[in-house]
Amino acid sequence: MKFSGSWKNFSYRILFERVFDPIALYRVDEDKIIFVDVNPAYERVMKVVREKIIGKAFYDVWPQAEAMWSRVIRECLTQKRTMHCIGESVDTKSYLEAIAFPIPPEMAAVIFLDRTKLKRSDNALRRRQRQLRTLAAQLTLSEENMRRLIASDLHDSVGYELISQLKILRELDGREDTKHISESIHELINITENIISENRNLIFELSPPVLKEAGLNPALDELAKNILEPHKITWQIITKGDEDEFRADDSVCVILYRMARELLINAVKHSGASNVNIIINRKPEIITVAIEDNGTGMLKSSNKGFGLFSIRERLLALGGNLKIISEQGKGLMAVMTCPLKLKKGEFAHDDKTNKNTFSR
């Protein structure tokens, strides 16, 4: 094979011969890309014999080759500059990176770098990220299951016993006893009533009955009342879409409720807001819950905090997302989006305290 003078006198010929990565030289002849030369590494990696491919057209050697490989060669020759592409190669069954650069007067040299291990590592990292997101979502649902079990136990045991105790105390209080006994009974009644009240609050905090019984919309309204009202923050529930027509899965309701709780607590602690809007928008296949406040807003750097990261990762595990819209001094809107229905068998919420799933 005779080469042009520039290639024959190419000072890097020794590099071409001894480099470990495959290199091929091409020219274009009557619109066909022709093999001019390949180095020993190209023969070894691509499993070809140099003498059998020199002078042949690119697609005669690689009939199934992806268009990107020939395109990078043509663009290198027409634009007279270094070009780059990366992707799967069916012929070599590997993930390759190609760097093409022109060699005067009319040739292109292409170095092929095997990125298969890097690609596998990247894919493994992505799988691990998906697994972590899945675990985060499953953790939330497991926590909810445990909360409901504890809430049910508190309601069924401690709650009933306290009510029975209160009933007896009230009956004793109505009898004609000494003043000392009567005062003691009044004190016990007050203590019992306080315990019952605290027990109910604890049950609600662990697993709000309204979420199971009435659905997500009333549960978020009750949640806002309990979190915002003590801090003199007004709120409104704004709903769009029919709740009966677009019902969300049990797991979706749990995740959105718990994440909304974190966002409302953040609004109380950090925003300085006087008003909060909770917007629930239901569409075919999608449900969106947005928490909007009129507080101080958030810097972009604050958007990367662990709390928001945790919320975003748990939503991503369900196929959803979290978007923060904020401008410092002009409030903040956190928009949570989720599919209404999860894939079959994914994130099943095991409510052992109530076999009925959420009706909403």
Protein backbone atom coordinates (compact mmCIF):
# COMPACT_ATOMS: atom_id res chain seq x y z
CA MET A 1 0.00 0.00 0.00
CA LYS A 2 1.37 3.39 -1.04
CA PHE A 3 0.68 6.32 1.27
CA SER A 4 0.67 10.03 0.56
CA GLY A 5 3.92 11.84 1.32
CA SER A 6 2.54 13.35 4.52
CA TRP A 7 1.68 9.95 5.94
CA LYS A 8 4.86 8.29 4.64
CA ASN A 9 6.91 10.92 6.46
CA PHE A 10 4.57 11.03 9.43
CA SER A 11 6.82 11.56 12.45
CA TYR A 12 4.43 9.70 14.71
CA ARG A 13 4.42 6.47 12.70
CA ILE A 14 6.06 4.63 15.58
CA LEU A 15 3.25 5.78 17.86
CA PHE A 16 0.72 4.47 15.33
CA GLU A 17 2.36 1.05 15.35
CA ARG A 18 2.89 0.66 19.08
CA VAL A 19 -0.02 2.42 20.76
CA PHE A 20 -2.34 0.07 22.68
CA ASP A 21 -5.57 1.62 21.40
CA PRO A 22 -6.98 0.79 17.94
CA ILE A 23 -6.24 3.39 15.24
CA ALA A 24 -7.51 3.36 11.66
CA LEU A 25 -6.76 5.67 8.70
CA TYR A 26 -9.45 6.47 6.15
CA ARG A 27 -9.97 8.40 2.94
CA VAL A 28 -13.09 9.13 0.93
CA ASP A 29 -13.20 7.79 -2.62
CA GLU A 30 -16.34 8.36 -4.72
CA ASP A 31 -18.40 8.94 -1.60
CA LYS A 32 -17.15 5.72 0.00
CA ILE A 33 -15.00 5.64 3.12
CA ILE A 34 -11.97 3.50 2.37
CA PHE A 35 -9.56 1.86 4.82
CA VAL A 36 -6.01 3.19 4.28
CA ASP A 37 -4.28 1.49 7.21
CA VAL A 38 -4.88 0.10 10.69
CA ASN A 39 -2.46 -0.48 13.54
CA PRO A 40 -1.79 -3.84 15.26
CA ALA A 41 -4.08 -2.84 18.16
CA TYR A 42 -6.95 -2.37 15.71
CA GLU A 43 -6.37 -5.89 14.36
CA ARG A 44 -6.27 -7.34 17.87
CA VAL A 45 -9.28 -5.50 19.33
CA MET A 46 -11.51 -5.51 16.23
CA LYS A 47 -10.49 -9.10 15.35
CA VAL A 48 -9.61 -8.34 11.73
CA VAL A 49 -6.55 -8.91 9.54
CA ARG A 50 -4.93 -5.77 8.18
CA GLU A 51 -4.21 -7.14 4.70
CA LYS A 52 -7.83 -8.21 4.25
CA ILE A 53 -9.40 -4.81 4.97
CA ILE A 54 -6.94 -2.27 3.50
CA GLY A 55 -8.48 -0.70 0.41
CA LYS A 56 -11.97 -1.94 1.28
CA ALA A 57 -14.98 0.30 1.94
CA PHE A 58 -15.94 0.89 5.57
CA TYR A 59 -19.38 -0.74 5.24
CA ASP A 60 -17.93 -3.74 3.41
CA VAL A 61 -15.88 -4.46 6.52
CA TRP A 62 -18.55 -3.39 9.03
CA PRO A 63 -21.95 -3.88 7.33
CA GLN A 64 -23.92 -3.43 10.57
CA ALA A 65 -21.97 -0.44 11.85
CA GLU A 66 -23.94 2.40 13.39
CA ALA A 67 -24.15 5.59 11.31
CA MET A 68 -22.27 7.65 13.92
CA TRP A 69 -18.93 5.97 13.11
CA SER A 70 -18.97 6.85 9.40
CA ARG A 71 -20.44 10.26 10.17
CA VAL A 72 -17.57 11.24 12.46
CA ILE A 73 -15.07 10.31 9.72
CA ARG A 74 -16.88 12.36 7.06
CA GLU A 75 -17.31 15.37 9.33
CA CYS A 76 -13.64 15.24 10.26
CA LEU A 77 -12.65 15.34 6.56
CA THR A 78 -15.18 17.97 5.46
CA GLN A 79 -14.69 20.30 8.44
CA LYS A 80 -10.92 19.72 8.69
CA ARG A 81 -11.01 19.49 12.48
CA THR A 82 -11.09 16.95 15.29
CA MET A 83 -14.46 15.27 15.81
CA HIS A 84 -15.74 12.98 18.55
CA CYS A 85 -18.52 10.46 19.15
CA ILE A 86 -19.33 7.71 21.63
CA GLY A 87 -21.81 4.85 21.64
CA GLU A 88 -22.59 1.15 21.35
CA SER A 89 -20.94 -0.90 18.61
CA VAL A 90 -22.95 -3.91 17.49
CA ASP A 91 -20.09 -5.38 15.49
CA THR A 92 -17.57 -5.32 18.34
CA LYS A 93 -20.14 -5.81 21.11
CA SER A 94 -18.55 -2.97 23.09
CA TYR A 95 -19.07 0.67 24.01
CA LEU A 96 -16.58 2.77 22.03
CA GLU A 97 -15.39 6.34 21.98
CA ALA A 98 -14.05 7.54 18.62
CA ILE A 99 -11.77 10.57 18.23
CA ALA A 100 -11.19 11.50 14.57
CA PHE A 101 -8.65 14.07 13.41
CA PRO A 102 -7.56 15.09 9.89
CA ILE A 103 -4.18 14.18 8.39
CA PRO A 104 -3.29 16.36 5.40
CA PRO A 105 -3.98 16.25 2.65
CA GLU A 106 -7.09 14.02 2.55
CA MET A 107 -7.03 11.42 5.30
CA ALA A 108 -8.68 10.99 8.66
CA ALA A 109 -7.17 9.08 11.59
CA VAL A 110 -9.57 7.65 14.15
CA ILE A 111 -8.58 6.42 17.61
CA PHE A 112 -11.05 3.99 19.17
CA LEU A 113 -11.15 3.86 22.96
CA ASP A 114 -12.97 1.01 24.70
CA ARG A 115 -15.32 2.54 27.28
CA THR A 116 -17.24 -0.66 28.01
CA LYS A 117 -16.02 -0.99 31.61
CA LEU A 118 -16.67 2.70 32.23
CA LYS A 119 -20.16 2.34 30.79
CA ARG A 120 -20.84 -0.71 32.94
CA SER A 121 -19.62 1.17 35.99
CA ASP A 122 -21.85 4.10 35.09
CA ASN A 123 -24.81 1.77 34.59
CA ALA A 124 -24.05 0.08 37.91
CA LEU A 125 -23.94 3.47 39.62
CA ARG A 126 -27.29 4.41 38.09
CA ARG A 127 -28.78 1.10 39.22
CA ARG A 128 -27.44 1.74 42.72
CA GLN A 129 -28.99 5.21 42.70
CA ARG A 130 -32.33 3.73 41.67
CA GLN A 131 -32.02 1.12 44.41
CA LEU A 132 -31.30 3.80 47.01
CA ARG A 133 -34.32 5.79 45.86
CA THR A 134 -36.43 2.65 46.07
CA LEU A 135 -35.13 1.91 49.57
CA ALA A 136 -35.87 5.49 50.64
CA ALA A 137 -39.46 5.18 49.46
CA GLN A 138 -39.84 1.74 51.02
CA LEU A 139 -38.45 3.10 54.28
CA THR A 140 -41.15 5.78 54.34
CA LEU A 141 -43.84 3.15 53.76
CA SER A 142 -42.34 0.84 56.39
CA GLU A 143 -42.30 3.72 58.84
CA GLU A 144 -45.94 4.37 58.04
CA ASN A 145 -46.82 0.71 58.65
CA MET A 146 -45.11 0.86 62.04
CA ARG A 147 -46.83 4.14 62.92
CA ARG A 148 -50.21 2.61 62.16
CA LEU A 149 -49.47 -0.45 64.25
CA ILE A 150 -48.40 1.70 67.20
CA ALA A 151 -51.37 4.04 66.74
CA SER A 152 -53.74 1.07 66.64
CA ASP A 153 -52.22 -0.40 69.82
CA LEU A 154 -52.45 2.95 71.62
CA HIS A 155 -56.05 3.36 70.54
CA ASP A 156 -57.12 -0.19 71.39
CA SER A 157 -55.33 -0.57 74.72
CA VAL A 158 -54.30 2.67 76.41
CA GLY A 159 -57.12 4.71 74.92
CA TYR A 160 -59.92 2.38 76.01
CA GLU A 161 -58.46 1.90 79.48
CA LEU A 162 -58.19 5.65 80.00
CA ILE A 163 -61.77 6.18 78.86
CA SER A 164 -62.95 3.46 81.26
CA GLN A 165 -60.95 5.09 84.07
CA LEU A 166 -62.44 8.48 83.27
CA LYS A 167 -65.96 7.04 83.30
CA ILE A 168 -65.44 5.53 86.77
CA LEU A 169 -63.96 8.76 88.11
CA ARG A 170 -66.91 10.77 86.85
CA GLU A 171 -69.31 8.34 88.49
CA LEU A 172 -67.43 8.67 91.80
CA ASP A 173 -67.43 12.44 91.44
CA GLY A 174 -71.23 12.45 91.46
CA ARG A 175 -71.51 10.72 94.81
CA GLU A 176 -71.72 12.42 98.20
CA ASP A 177 -68.14 12.07 99.41
CA THR A 178 -65.98 14.19 101.55
CA LYS A 179 -64.50 17.37 100.13
CA HIS A 180 -60.99 15.88 100.18
CA ILE A 181 -62.01 12.84 98.10
CA SER A 182 -63.96 15.06 95.71
CA GLU A 183 -60.96 17.31 95.11
CA SER A 184 -58.73 14.29 94.48
CA ILE A 185 -61.24 12.88 92.03
CA HIS A 186 -61.42 16.23 90.18
CA GLU A 187 -57.64 16.21 89.93
CA LEU A 188 -57.62 12.65 88.60
CA ILE A 189 -60.32 13.55 86.06
CA ASN A 190 -58.23 16.46 84.78
CA ILE A 191 -55.13 14.26 84.55
CA THR A 192 -57.04 11.53 82.73
CA GLU A 193 -58.59 14.00 80.29
CA ASN A 194 -55.13 15.40 79.55
CA ILE A 195 -53.73 11.90 79.00
CA ILE A 196 -56.59 11.06 76.62
CA SER A 197 -56.02 14.29 74.72
CA GLU A 198 -52.28 13.65 74.46
CA ASN A 199 -52.94 10.05 73.44
CA ARG A 200 -55.24 11.22 70.62
CA ASN A 201 -52.65 13.74 69.46
CA LEU A 202 -49.97 11.05 69.48
CA ILE A 203 -52.19 8.70 67.47
CA PHE A 204 -52.84 11.45 64.94
CA GLU A 205 -49.13 12.24 64.72
CA LEU A 206 -48.25 8.58 64.21
CA SER A 207 -50.97 7.76 61.71
CA PRO A 208 -53.82 10.22 61.12
CA PRO A 209 -57.11 8.32 60.91
CA VAL A 210 -58.45 10.85 58.41
CA LEU A 211 -55.83 9.74 55.85
CA LYS A 212 -57.18 6.19 55.97
CA GLU A 213 -60.83 7.06 56.32
CA ALA A 214 -61.36 10.15 54.15
CA GLY A 215 -58.37 10.34 51.80
CA LEU A 216 -55.50 12.64 50.98
CA ASN A 217 -57.36 15.95 50.54
CA PRO A 218 -59.01 16.06 53.99
CA ALA A 219 -55.83 14.65 55.56
CA LEU A 220 -53.74 17.53 54.19
CA ASP A 221 -56.33 20.02 55.41
CA GLU A 222 -56.21 18.53 58.91
CA LEU A 223 -52.40 18.43 58.74
CA ALA A 224 -52.22 22.13 57.85
CA LYS A 225 -54.58 22.96 60.71
CA ASN A 226 -52.43 21.12 63.27
CA ILE A 227 -49.09 22.49 62.01
CA LEU A 228 -49.94 26.03 60.86
CA GLU A 229 -52.76 27.18 63.14
CA PRO A 230 -50.69 27.24 66.37
CA HIS A 231 -48.26 29.61 64.60
CA LYS A 232 -51.00 31.99 63.39
CA ILE A 233 -50.39 31.04 59.75
CA THR A 234 -53.49 31.00 57.55
CA TRP A 235 -53.91 28.37 54.85
CA GLN A 236 -56.16 27.36 51.98
CA ILE A 237 -56.67 24.01 50.26
CA ILE A 238 -57.05 24.45 46.50
CA THR A 239 -58.16 21.35 44.60
CA LYS A 240 -58.26 20.66 40.87
CA GLY A 241 -59.46 17.46 39.25
CA ASP A 242 -62.07 15.01 40.47
CA GLU A 243 -60.93 13.07 43.53
CA ASP A 244 -63.16 10.07 42.81
CA GLU A 245 -62.24 9.89 39.13
CA PHE A 246 -58.49 10.22 39.66
CA ARG A 247 -57.80 8.07 42.71
CA ALA A 248 -54.21 7.71 43.85
CA ASP A 249 -52.66 4.48 45.12
CA ASP A 250 -52.26 3.96 48.86
CA SER A 251 -48.47 4.26 48.67
CA VAL A 252 -48.65 7.50 46.68
CA CYS A 253 -50.98 9.02 49.29
CA VAL A 254 -48.64 8.04 52.14
CA ILE A 255 -45.54 9.45 50.45
CA LEU A 256 -47.21 12.73 49.44
CA TYR A 257 -48.71 13.18 52.91
CA ARG A 258 -45.39 12.59 54.70
CA MET A 259 -43.44 14.80 52.29
CA ALA A 260 -46.09 17.56 52.58
CA ARG A 261 -45.70 17.37 56.35
CA GLU A 262 -41.95 17.99 56.04
CA LEU A 263 -42.54 20.94 53.70
CA LEU A 264 -45.13 22.50 56.03
CA ILE A 265 -42.78 22.16 59.00
CA ASN A 266 -40.03 23.79 56.93
CA ALA A 267 -42.42 26.65 56.11
CA VAL A 268 -43.09 27.20 59.82
CA LYS A 269 -39.42 27.02 60.84
CA HIS A 270 -37.69 28.87 58.03
CA SER A 271 -40.00 30.84 55.72
CA GLY A 272 -41.50 33.49 58.00
CA ALA A 273 -44.71 33.05 56.00
CA SER A 274 -48.11 34.33 57.09
CA ASN A 275 -50.08 32.32 54.53
CA VAL A 276 -49.74 28.92 52.87
CA ASN A 277 -51.61 27.48 49.90
CA ILE A 278 -51.85 23.71 49.49
CA ILE A 279 -52.69 22.94 45.88
CA ILE A 280 -53.80 19.42 44.95
CA ASN A 281 -54.10 18.84 41.22
CA ARG A 282 -55.32 15.50 39.86
CA LYS A 283 -55.06 14.58 36.19
CA PRO A 284 -55.19 11.30 34.27
CA GLU A 285 -52.20 9.28 35.54
CA ILE A 286 -50.67 12.20 37.52
CA ILE A 287 -51.23 13.84 40.90
CA THR A 288 -49.47 17.03 41.98
CA VAL A 289 -49.30 18.48 45.48
CA ALA A 290 -47.80 21.97 45.76
CA ILE A 291 -46.99 23.82 49.00
CA GLU A 292 -46.84 27.57 48.33
CA ASP A 293 -45.96 30.20 50.96
CA ASN A 294 -45.54 33.97 50.98
CA GLY A 295 -42.36 33.88 53.05
CA THR A 296 -38.79 34.99 52.49
CA GLY A 297 -38.03 32.53 49.69
CA MET A 298 -34.88 30.52 49.23
CA LEU A 299 -31.44 30.94 47.70
CA LYS A 300 -30.54 28.45 44.95
CA SER A 301 -27.76 27.08 47.12
CA SER A 302 -30.29 26.21 49.83
CA ASN A 303 -32.23 24.15 47.29
CA LYS A 304 -29.66 21.37 47.77
CA GLY A 305 -30.25 20.73 51.47
CA PHE A 306 -30.65 17.20 52.80
CA GLY A 307 -34.36 17.62 53.57
CA LEU A 308 -35.26 18.56 50.00
CA PHE A 309 -32.81 15.95 48.67
CA SER A 310 -34.57 13.27 50.72
CA ILE A 311 -37.99 14.35 49.47
CA ARG A 312 -36.81 14.44 45.85
CA GLU A 313 -35.18 11.00 46.06
CA ARG A 314 -38.26 9.38 47.56
CA LEU A 315 -40.48 10.90 44.89
CA LEU A 316 -38.08 9.83 42.13
CA ALA A 317 -38.36 6.25 43.40
CA LEU A 318 -42.09 6.39 42.62
CA GLY A 319 -41.52 7.90 39.19
CA GLY A 320 -42.25 11.42 40.47
CA ASN A 321 -40.23 14.55 41.11
CA LEU A 322 -39.84 17.64 43.25
CA LYS A 323 -39.51 21.11 41.74
CA ILE A 324 -38.69 24.20 43.80
CA ILE A 325 -39.81 27.58 42.48
CA SER A 326 -38.49 30.43 44.61
CA GLU A 327 -37.12 33.91 44.51
CA GLN A 328 -35.58 35.43 47.60
CA GLY A 329 -38.06 37.72 49.29
CA LYS A 330 -40.97 36.52 47.15
CA GLY A 331 -42.00 33.23 48.71
CA LEU A 332 -41.52 29.63 47.68
CA MET A 333 -43.49 26.91 45.92
CA ALA A 334 -42.51 23.24 46.30
CA VAL A 335 -44.23 21.13 43.64
CA MET A 336 -44.40 17.36 44.19
CA THR A 337 -45.48 15.23 41.23
CA CYS A 338 -46.30 11.51 41.29
CA PRO A 339 -48.06 8.98 39.10
CA LEU A 340 -51.54 8.16 40.37
CA LYS A 341 -50.89 4.45 39.98
CA LEU A 342 -47.65 2.58 40.60
CA LYS A 343 -46.45 -0.35 38.57
CA LYS A 344 -47.97 -3.63 39.67
CA GLY A 345 -46.13 -5.07 42.67
CA GLU A 346 -44.12 -1.90 43.25
CA PHE A 347 -44.12 -0.30 46.72
CA ALA A 348 -47.17 -2.18 47.97
CA HIS A 349 -48.27 -0.56 51.20
CA ASP A 350 -48.97 -3.23 53.80
CA ASP A 351 -51.47 -1.69 56.16
CA LYS A 352 -51.80 -4.44 58.76
CA THR A 353 -53.97 -2.35 61.00
CA ASN A 354 -56.60 -1.84 58.34
CA LYS A 355 -56.87 -4.18 55.37
CA ASN A 356 -58.81 -1.59 53.39
CA THR A 357 -56.65 0.62 51.20
CA PHE A 358 -57.21 4.37 50.99
CA SER A 359 -60.49 5.15 49.31
CA ARG A 360 -59.03 8.28 47.75
